[in-house]
C-alpha atoms as a PDB file:
ATOM      1  CA  MET A   1      35.841   9.211 -68.116  1.00  0.00           C
ATOM      2  CA  CYS A   2      32.469   7.885 -69.138  1.00  0.00           C
ATOM      3  CA  THR A   3      30.856   9.369 -72.238  1.00  0.00           C
ATOM      4  CA  ASN A   4      27.439   8.287 -73.494  1.00  0.00           C
ATOM      5  CA  GLY A   5      27.614   5.185 -71.333  1.00  0.00           C
ATOM      6  CA  VAL A   6      31.088   4.228 -72.598  1.00  0.00           C
ATOM      7  CA  ASN A   7      34.149   4.271 -70.377  1.00  0.00           C
ATOM      8  CA  THR A   8      36.513   5.930 -72.827  1.00  0.00           C
ATOM      9  CA  GLY A   9      39.650   4.825 -70.983  1.00  0.00           C
ATOM     10  CA  GLN A  10      38.633   1.193 -71.133  1.00  0.00           C
ATOM     11  CA  PHE A  11      37.463   1.562 -74.730  1.00  0.00           C
ATOM     12  CA  LYS A  12      40.803   3.053 -75.778  1.00  0.00           C
ATOM     13  CA  SER A  13      42.591   0.226 -73.943  1.00  0.00           C
ATOM     14  CA  SER A  14      40.507  -2.286 -75.899  1.00  0.00           C
ATOM     15  CA  ILE A  15      41.544  -0.663 -79.173  1.00  0.00           C
ATOM     16  CA  GLU A  16      45.184  -0.767 -78.043  1.00  0.00           C
ATOM     17  CA  GLN A  17      44.849  -4.479 -77.234  1.00  0.00           C
ATOM     18  CA  ILE A  18      43.490  -5.122 -80.727  1.00  0.00           C
ATOM     19  CA  ASP A  19      46.471  -3.195 -82.127  1.00  0.00           C
ATOM     20  CA  GLU A  20      48.869  -5.339 -80.083  1.00  0.00           C
ATOM     21  CA  ALA A  21      47.267  -8.509 -81.459  1.00  0.00           C
ATOM     22  CA  VAL A  22      47.558  -7.180 -85.021  1.00  0.00           C
ATOM     23  CA  ALA A  23      51.201  -6.222 -84.354  1.00  0.00           C
ATOM     24  CA  LEU A  24      51.927  -9.786 -83.262  1.00  0.00           C
ATOM     25  CA  THR A  25      50.192 -11.175 -86.344  1.00  0.00           C
ATOM     26  CA  ARG A  26      52.205  -8.784 -88.492  1.00  0.00           C
ATOM     27  CA  ARG A  27      55.464 -10.085 -86.952  1.00  0.00           C
ATOM     28  CA  TRP A  28      54.429 -13.686 -87.638  1.00  0.00           C
ATOM     29  CA  THR A  29      53.512 -12.762 -91.199  1.00  0.00           C
ATOM     30  CA  HIS A  30      56.886 -11.062 -91.630  1.00  0.00           C
ATOM     31  CA  ARG A  31      58.692 -14.201 -90.465  1.00  0.00           C
ATOM     32  CA  ALA A  32      56.606 -16.339 -92.821  1.00  0.00           C
ATOM     33  CA  TYR A  33      57.429 -13.925 -95.648  1.00  0.00           C
ATOM     34  CA  HIS A  34      61.163 -14.400 -95.050  1.00  0.00           C
ATOM     35  CA  THR A  35      60.724 -18.163 -94.889  1.00  0.00           C
ATOM     36  CA  ALA A  36      58.894 -18.176 -98.221  1.00  0.00           C
ATOM     37  CA  GLU A  37      61.420 -15.793 -99.774  1.00  0.00           C
ATOM     38  CA  SER A  38      64.369 -17.877 -98.573  1.00  0.00           C
ATOM     39  CA  GLY A  39      62.670 -21.004 -99.893  1.00  0.00           C
ATOM     40  CA  GLU A  40      62.213 -19.346-103.275  1.00  0.00           C
ATOM     41  CA  GLN A  41      58.438 -19.503-103.022  1.00  0.00           C
ATOM     42  CA  LEU A  42      58.119 -16.115-104.617  1.00  0.00           C
ATOM     43  CA  ARG A  43      54.358 -16.012-105.210  1.00  0.00           C
ATOM     44  CA  THR A  44      53.728 -17.000-101.601  1.00  0.00           C
ATOM     45  CA  ALA A  45      56.238 -14.406-100.433  1.00  0.00           C
ATOM     46  CA  ALA A  46      54.502 -11.741-102.526  1.00  0.00           C
ATOM     47  CA  LYS A  47      51.127 -12.540-100.966  1.00  0.00           C
ATOM     48  CA  LEU A  48      52.631 -12.458 -97.478  1.00  0.00           C
ATOM     49  CA  ARG A  49      54.205  -9.096 -98.298  1.00  0.00           C
ATOM     50  CA  GLU A  50      50.773  -7.817 -99.360  1.00  0.00           C
ATOM     51  CA  ALA A  51      49.323  -9.109 -96.100  1.00  0.00           C
ATOM     52  CA  GLN A  52      52.005  -7.230 -94.158  1.00  0.00           C
ATOM     53  CA  THR A  53      51.064  -4.022 -95.947  1.00  0.00           C
ATOM     54  CA  LEU A  54      47.388  -4.525 -95.136  1.00  0.00           C
ATOM     55  CA  LEU A  55      48.192  -5.237 -91.494  1.00  0.00           C
ATOM     56  CA  ASP A  56      50.209  -2.013 -91.378  1.00  0.00           C
ATOM     57  CA  GLU A  57      47.142  -0.197 -92.710  1.00  0.00           C
ATOM     58  CA  VAL A  58      44.960  -1.824 -90.042  1.00  0.00           C
ATOM     59  CA  ARG A  59      47.352  -0.640 -87.343  1.00  0.00           C
ATOM     60  CA  ALA A  60      47.254   2.902 -88.707  1.00  0.00           C
ATOM     61  CA  LEU A  61      43.436   2.857 -88.652  1.00  0.00           C
ATOM     62  CA  LEU A  62      43.421   1.548 -85.093  1.00  0.00           C
ATOM     63  CA  SER A  63      45.776   4.319 -84.051  1.00  0.00           C
ATOM     64  CA  GLU A  64      43.452   6.879 -85.609  1.00  0.00           C
ATOM     65  CA  ALA A  65      40.474   5.289 -83.861  1.00  0.00           C
ATOM     66  CA  ALA A  66      42.242   5.498 -80.488  1.00  0.00           C
ATOM     67  CA  ASP A  67      42.887   9.196 -81.070  1.00  0.00           C
ATOM     68  CA  ILE A  68      39.295   9.818 -82.120  1.00  0.00           C
ATOM     69  CA  VAL A  69      37.987   8.140 -78.949  1.00  0.00           C
ATOM     70  CA  GLU A  70      39.734  10.812 -76.898  1.00  0.00           C
ATOM     71  CA  GLU A  71      38.555  13.630 -79.168  1.00  0.00           C
ATOM     72  CA  GLU A  72      34.937  12.487 -79.054  1.00  0.00           C
ATOM     73  CA  ALA A  73      35.071  12.116 -75.286  1.00  0.00           C
ATOM     74  CA  ALA A  74      36.360  15.682 -74.964  1.00  0.00           C
ATOM     75  CA  VAL A  75      33.439  17.146 -76.916  1.00  0.00           C
ATOM     76  CA  GLY A  76      30.808  14.790 -75.543  1.00  0.00           C
ATOM     77  CA  GLY A  77      29.333  17.404 -73.239  1.00  0.00           C
ATOM     78  CA  VAL A  78      27.979  14.753 -70.894  1.00  0.00           C
ATOM     79  CA  THR A  79      27.714  15.639 -67.232  1.00  0.00           C
ATOM     80  CA  VAL A  80      27.463  12.935 -64.605  1.00  0.00           C
ATOM     81  CA  GLN A  81      25.723  13.830 -61.342  1.00  0.00           C
ATOM     82  CA  ALA A  82      25.235  11.792 -58.208  1.00  0.00           C
ATOM     83  CA  VAL A  83      21.607  11.248 -57.316  1.00  0.00           C
END
């Protein structure tokens, strides 16, 4: 569906791709956290843990954005006609 010149399906897919990239980064950060924790680098581990929390928040926001894309498309009220 195209709303206001935006293909909402493609736009939602783009948001999902961003989420997948953040998920991968979160996994890498989690591994680095365990490495730092195992190596007794506690301040580094704490910062990596904070980063994980922030990445989780980013993913939640992206999920909300993906839902909103669909909601906004549903109420867009745009009609496309062939000319």
